[in-house]
Amino acid sequence: MQHFKRWLTALILTPLLLWVIIKGSILLFAALVSGVSVFATLEYLDIICANDTGPVPRTTRIISYVACMVLVMGACLGSWQILFFILALDLMALCGFVLVRFSTLPHIFDLVARQVLGIVYIPLSLALLVFIRNAEGGALWVIWLLIVCFANDTGALYVGTFKGKNKLAPKISPNKTIEGAVGGLVISVTSGLVFNLIFFQDVSLALIGIPCALCVAVAGQVGDLFESAMKRVGHIKDSGKILPGHGGMLDRIDGLLLAIPVFYFFSVFVL
């Protein structure tokens, strides 16, 4: 039943996602990414603050959600300076929060550090996806990146389920296996190669894309384990329930968050 829900959710959402990527304007694409960023950040704050004695302060949540939306939408301008300015505004808002709540929150600087980590981890990374979409041939490259990442997840899941014997990181995620990780890498690289040959029809580009896909897939697996480590510390199984069969939004994009900067590097300096 869990696998059925997983595939049903994918079949329902994939056409909408492809339409936005291929046919939608850059503003519509950024709005979608912004919404994903807000939901993922909501889940991140719940996970990272799960062991605190009190709830996450409302001010911290508001600052975080606003930073998510402004960062991703600001990426439409295609300027790194805008992103750095927004990050500076986020820090300024946090400074004001510290001055107001310093006497009532003994762990306030720990909370601020976790918020900054979350902003760099989620919306700043997703903002690069808007940069990629805005470049020449960007829609196809966004689809390529998503295929490589999701093939990595799916390949690791099913190869690990049927062939996995050796644990990859038992203290972080007991169900992940070395065989599953290798299977995910092979399937993701193969998927990326086939996509390049079909849609870009450039053999040299497809060959260059092999190490790119491999690095993206490795980064995706590291991102998956990183989120698993956060959930284990917070004693949480899934980051949420927004996506039936997948868990929360952060569960779905955890690998993508580290894969995006790796691919952006390749797109700027290699491809």
Protein backbone atom coordinates (compact mmCIF):
# COMPACT_ATOMS: atom_id res chain seq x y z
CA MET A 1 0.00 0.00 0.00
CA GLN A 2 2.85 2.39 0.82
CA HIS A 3 4.45 1.81 -2.59
CA PHE A 4 1.06 2.23 -4.29
CA LYS A 5 0.55 5.60 -2.58
CA ARG A 6 4.09 6.60 -3.54
CA TRP A 7 3.56 5.93 -7.24
CA LEU A 8 0.03 7.36 -7.28
CA THR A 9 1.26 10.63 -5.78
CA ALA A 10 4.04 10.79 -8.36
CA LEU A 11 1.64 10.11 -11.24
CA ILE A 12 -0.70 12.88 -10.09
CA LEU A 13 1.93 15.55 -9.44
CA THR A 14 4.39 14.86 -12.28
CA PRO A 15 2.22 16.27 -15.15
CA LEU A 16 1.61 19.49 -13.21
CA LEU A 17 5.28 19.82 -12.36
CA LEU A 18 6.35 19.24 -15.97
CA TRP A 19 3.84 21.78 -17.23
CA VAL A 20 5.12 24.46 -14.87
CA ILE A 21 8.75 23.72 -15.77
CA ILE A 22 8.24 23.62 -19.55
CA LYS A 23 5.31 25.95 -20.23
CA GLY A 24 5.13 28.15 -17.15
CA SER A 25 6.77 31.55 -16.84
CA ILE A 26 9.83 31.99 -14.67
CA LEU A 27 7.63 33.76 -12.09
CA LEU A 28 5.22 30.81 -11.95
CA PHE A 29 8.13 28.39 -11.63
CA ALA A 30 9.64 30.51 -8.83
CA ALA A 31 6.26 30.67 -7.07
CA LEU A 32 6.04 26.87 -7.11
CA VAL A 33 9.60 26.52 -5.80
CA SER A 34 8.84 29.16 -3.18
CA GLY A 35 5.84 27.17 -1.93
CA VAL A 36 7.97 24.02 -1.73
CA SER A 37 10.57 25.99 0.19
CA VAL A 38 8.06 27.25 2.76
CA PHE A 39 6.61 23.78 3.42
CA ALA A 40 10.10 22.25 3.68
CA THR A 41 11.24 24.98 6.07
CA LEU A 42 8.16 24.49 8.24
CA GLU A 43 9.05 20.81 8.55
CA TYR A 44 12.74 21.61 9.10
CA LEU A 45 11.94 23.88 12.06
CA ASP A 46 9.71 21.20 13.60
CA ILE A 47 12.49 18.62 13.25
CA ILE A 48 15.44 20.73 14.35
CA CYS A 49 13.58 22.11 17.37
CA ALA A 50 11.80 18.87 18.32
CA ASN A 51 13.83 18.47 21.52
CA ASP A 52 13.28 22.04 22.75
CA THR A 53 11.15 22.53 25.84
CA GLY A 54 8.85 25.00 24.10
CA PRO A 55 7.45 25.55 20.60
CA VAL A 56 9.35 27.39 17.90
CA PRO A 57 8.71 31.13 18.45
CA ARG A 58 6.21 32.56 16.00
CA THR A 59 8.60 35.38 15.11
CA THR A 60 11.25 32.88 14.07
CA ARG A 61 8.76 31.09 11.85
CA ILE A 62 7.55 34.31 10.23
CA ILE A 63 11.11 35.51 9.52
CA SER A 64 11.95 32.09 8.06
CA TYR A 65 8.91 31.87 5.79
CA VAL A 66 9.34 35.41 4.51
CA ALA A 67 13.04 34.73 3.83
CA CYS A 68 12.05 31.58 1.89
CA MET A 69 9.64 33.39 -0.38
CA VAL A 70 11.79 36.46 -0.95
CA LEU A 71 14.96 34.45 -1.61
CA VAL A 72 13.38 32.21 -4.23
CA MET A 73 11.37 34.96 -5.91
CA GLY A 74 14.39 37.26 -5.79
CA ALA A 75 16.33 34.67 -7.79
CA CYS A 76 14.14 35.58 -10.78
CA LEU A 77 16.31 38.69 -11.11
CA GLY A 78 19.29 36.42 -11.75
CA SER A 79 21.57 38.31 -9.38
CA TRP A 80 23.71 36.86 -6.60
CA GLN A 81 23.86 40.33 -5.05
CA ILE A 82 20.10 40.23 -4.47
CA LEU A 83 20.38 36.90 -2.69
CA PHE A 84 23.18 38.11 -0.43
CA PHE A 85 21.18 41.25 0.37
CA ILE A 86 18.16 39.13 1.35
CA LEU A 87 20.37 36.94 3.55
CA ALA A 88 21.66 40.12 5.23
CA LEU A 89 18.07 41.25 5.85
CA ASP A 90 17.31 37.85 7.39
CA LEU A 91 20.25 38.27 9.78
CA MET A 92 19.14 41.81 10.64
CA ALA A 93 15.65 40.56 11.48
CA LEU A 94 17.18 37.84 13.67
CA CYS A 95 19.30 40.44 15.44
CA GLY A 96 16.16 42.37 16.30
CA PHE A 97 14.57 39.13 17.52
CA VAL A 98 17.58 38.49 19.79
CA LEU A 99 17.41 41.97 21.31
CA VAL A 100 13.69 41.65 22.06
CA ARG A 101 13.68 38.06 23.38
CA PHE A 102 17.17 37.84 24.92
CA SER A 103 15.95 37.74 28.52
CA THR A 104 13.19 35.18 27.92
CA LEU A 105 14.95 32.61 25.69
CA PRO A 106 18.16 31.24 27.25
CA HIS A 107 18.99 29.23 24.09
CA ILE A 108 18.23 32.08 21.70
CA PHE A 109 21.57 32.02 19.86
CA ASP A 110 21.26 28.28 19.32
CA LEU A 111 17.84 28.93 17.79
CA VAL A 112 19.25 31.67 15.57
CA ALA A 113 22.05 29.37 14.38
CA ARG A 114 19.53 26.66 13.48
CA GLN A 115 17.38 29.17 11.59
CA VAL A 116 20.36 30.41 9.55
CA LEU A 117 21.32 26.81 8.76
CA GLY A 118 17.79 26.17 7.56
CA ILE A 119 17.76 29.22 5.29
CA VAL A 120 21.06 28.23 3.66
CA TYR A 121 20.03 24.57 3.53
CA ILE A 122 16.60 25.00 1.94
CA PRO A 123 15.58 28.27 0.21
CA LEU A 124 19.08 29.37 -0.82
CA SER A 125 19.67 26.01 -2.48
CA LEU A 126 16.24 26.04 -4.14
CA ALA A 127 16.89 29.58 -5.39
CA LEU A 128 19.68 28.12 -7.54
CA LEU A 129 17.01 26.01 -9.23
CA VAL A 130 15.47 29.27 -10.48
CA PHE A 131 18.89 30.35 -11.81
CA ILE A 132 19.15 27.04 -13.68
CA ARG A 133 15.62 27.34 -15.10
CA ASN A 134 16.36 30.89 -16.26
CA ALA A 135 19.43 29.85 -18.27
CA GLU A 136 19.48 28.71 -21.90
CA GLY A 137 17.90 25.26 -22.13
CA GLY A 138 17.16 25.59 -18.44
CA ALA A 139 13.82 23.78 -18.50
CA LEU A 140 15.41 20.61 -19.87
CA TRP A 141 18.26 20.80 -17.38
CA VAL A 142 15.84 21.17 -14.48
CA ILE A 143 13.99 18.07 -15.68
CA TRP A 144 17.33 16.24 -16.09
CA LEU A 145 18.30 17.15 -12.53
CA LEU A 146 14.97 15.97 -11.12
CA ILE A 147 15.14 12.70 -13.06
CA VAL A 148 18.69 11.98 -11.85
CA CYS A 149 17.78 12.74 -8.22
CA PHE A 150 14.49 10.84 -8.16
CA ALA A 151 15.98 7.88 -10.08
CA ASN A 152 18.67 7.84 -7.42
CA ASP A 153 16.08 7.69 -4.63
CA THR A 154 13.90 5.10 -6.36
CA GLY A 155 16.83 2.93 -7.45
CA ALA A 156 18.34 2.95 -3.97
CA LEU A 157 14.95 2.08 -2.44
CA TYR A 158 14.16 -0.92 -4.64
CA VAL A 159 17.68 -2.29 -5.08
CA GLY A 160 18.17 -1.99 -1.32
CA THR A 161 14.83 -3.68 -0.65
CA PHE A 162 15.48 -6.70 -2.84
CA LYS A 163 19.28 -6.99 -2.86
CA GLY A 164 20.49 -5.05 0.18
CA LYS A 165 22.53 -6.92 2.76
CA ASN A 166 25.24 -4.56 4.06
CA LYS A 167 24.16 -1.52 6.06
CA LEU A 168 25.30 1.86 4.74
CA ALA A 169 24.88 3.98 7.88
CA PRO A 170 23.08 1.89 10.53
CA LYS A 171 23.27 4.55 13.25
CA ILE A 172 21.59 7.12 11.00
CA SER A 173 19.28 5.13 8.73
CA PRO A 174 19.14 1.37 9.45
CA ASN A 175 17.20 0.57 6.27
CA LYS A 176 19.74 2.02 3.84
CA THR A 177 22.25 -0.42 2.37
CA ILE A 178 25.48 -0.21 0.40
CA GLU A 179 23.89 -2.25 -2.40
CA GLY A 180 20.98 0.18 -2.53
CA ALA A 181 23.32 3.16 -2.67
CA VAL A 182 25.32 1.65 -5.53
CA GLY A 183 22.13 0.69 -7.35
CA GLY A 184 20.83 4.23 -6.99
CA LEU A 185 24.04 5.66 -8.44
CA VAL A 186 23.98 3.30 -11.43
CA ILE A 187 20.31 3.95 -12.22
CA SER A 188 20.63 7.73 -11.84
CA VAL A 189 23.71 7.95 -14.09
CA THR A 190 22.01 5.73 -16.68
CA SER A 191 18.85 7.84 -16.56
CA GLY A 192 20.83 11.04 -17.02
CA LEU A 193 22.77 9.58 -19.96
CA VAL A 194 19.62 8.36 -21.74
CA PHE A 195 17.87 11.71 -21.18
CA ASN A 196 20.83 13.61 -22.64
CA LEU A 197 20.99 11.38 -25.71
CA ILE A 198 17.26 11.69 -26.39
CA PHE A 199 16.61 15.37 -25.71
CA PHE A 200 19.98 17.10 -26.27
CA GLN A 201 21.16 14.68 -29.00
CA ASP A 202 24.76 15.53 -28.27
CA VAL A 203 27.07 12.58 -27.57
CA SER A 204 29.89 14.71 -26.14
CA LEU A 205 27.46 16.50 -23.82
CA ALA A 206 26.01 13.15 -22.76
CA LEU A 207 29.50 11.86 -21.91
CA ILE A 208 30.33 15.00 -19.93
CA GLY A 209 27.03 14.53 -18.14
CA ILE A 210 28.11 11.13 -16.76
CA PRO A 211 30.48 12.48 -14.05
CA CYS A 212 28.00 15.30 -13.46
CA ALA A 213 25.18 12.81 -12.83
CA LEU A 214 27.44 10.73 -10.59
CA CYS A 215 28.39 13.75 -8.44
CA VAL A 216 24.77 14.89 -8.31
CA ALA A 217 23.66 11.41 -7.21
CA VAL A 218 26.35 11.18 -4.51
CA ALA A 219 25.34 14.62 -3.21
CA GLY A 220 21.73 13.46 -3.22
CA GLN A 221 22.54 10.45 -1.07
CA VAL A 222 24.52 12.60 1.35
CA GLY A 223 21.54 14.97 1.57
CA ASP A 224 19.21 12.06 2.24
CA LEU A 225 21.42 10.83 5.09
CA PHE A 226 21.75 14.37 6.48
CA GLU A 227 17.99 14.73 6.80
CA SER A 228 17.78 11.21 8.28
CA ALA A 229 20.32 12.26 10.92
CA MET A 230 18.22 15.31 11.81
CA LYS A 231 15.08 13.19 12.14
CA ARG A 232 16.89 10.63 14.29
CA VAL A 233 18.09 13.34 16.68
CA GLY A 234 14.55 14.73 16.83
CA HIS A 235 13.03 11.21 17.18
CA ILE A 236 10.84 11.80 14.11
CA LYS A 237 10.07 9.18 11.44
CA ASP A 238 8.77 11.41 8.64
CA SER A 239 9.12 15.16 8.27
CA GLY A 240 5.39 15.41 7.49
CA LYS A 241 2.42 13.83 5.72
CA ILE A 242 1.78 16.27 2.88
CA LEU A 243 2.83 13.76 0.18
CA PRO A 244 1.15 10.34 0.63
CA GLY A 245 3.66 7.54 0.27
CA HIS A 246 6.60 9.93 0.43
CA GLY A 247 6.13 11.60 3.81
CA GLY A 248 6.79 15.30 4.10
CA MET A 249 8.06 17.83 1.59
CA LEU A 250 11.52 17.70 3.13
CA ASP A 251 11.52 13.90 2.83
CA ARG A 252 10.93 14.29 -0.91
CA ILE A 253 13.54 16.98 -1.64
CA ASP A 254 16.23 16.19 0.95
CA GLY A 255 18.62 14.78 -1.64
CA LEU A 256 17.77 17.49 -4.14
CA LEU A 257 18.83 20.25 -1.73
CA LEU A 258 22.50 19.20 -1.85
CA ALA A 259 22.35 18.06 -5.48
CA ILE A 260 21.25 21.48 -6.79
CA PRO A 261 24.46 23.36 -5.82
CA VAL A 262 26.58 20.54 -7.26
CA PHE A 263 24.73 20.66 -10.57
CA TYR A 264 24.83 24.47 -10.60
CA PHE A 265 28.63 24.28 -10.35
CA PHE A 266 28.75 21.91 -13.32
CA SER A 267 26.31 24.03 -15.34
CA VAL A 268 28.43 27.16 -14.85
CA PHE A 269 31.96 25.78 -15.12
CA VAL A 270 31.74 22.48 -17.04
CA LEU A 271 28.64 22.01 -19.21
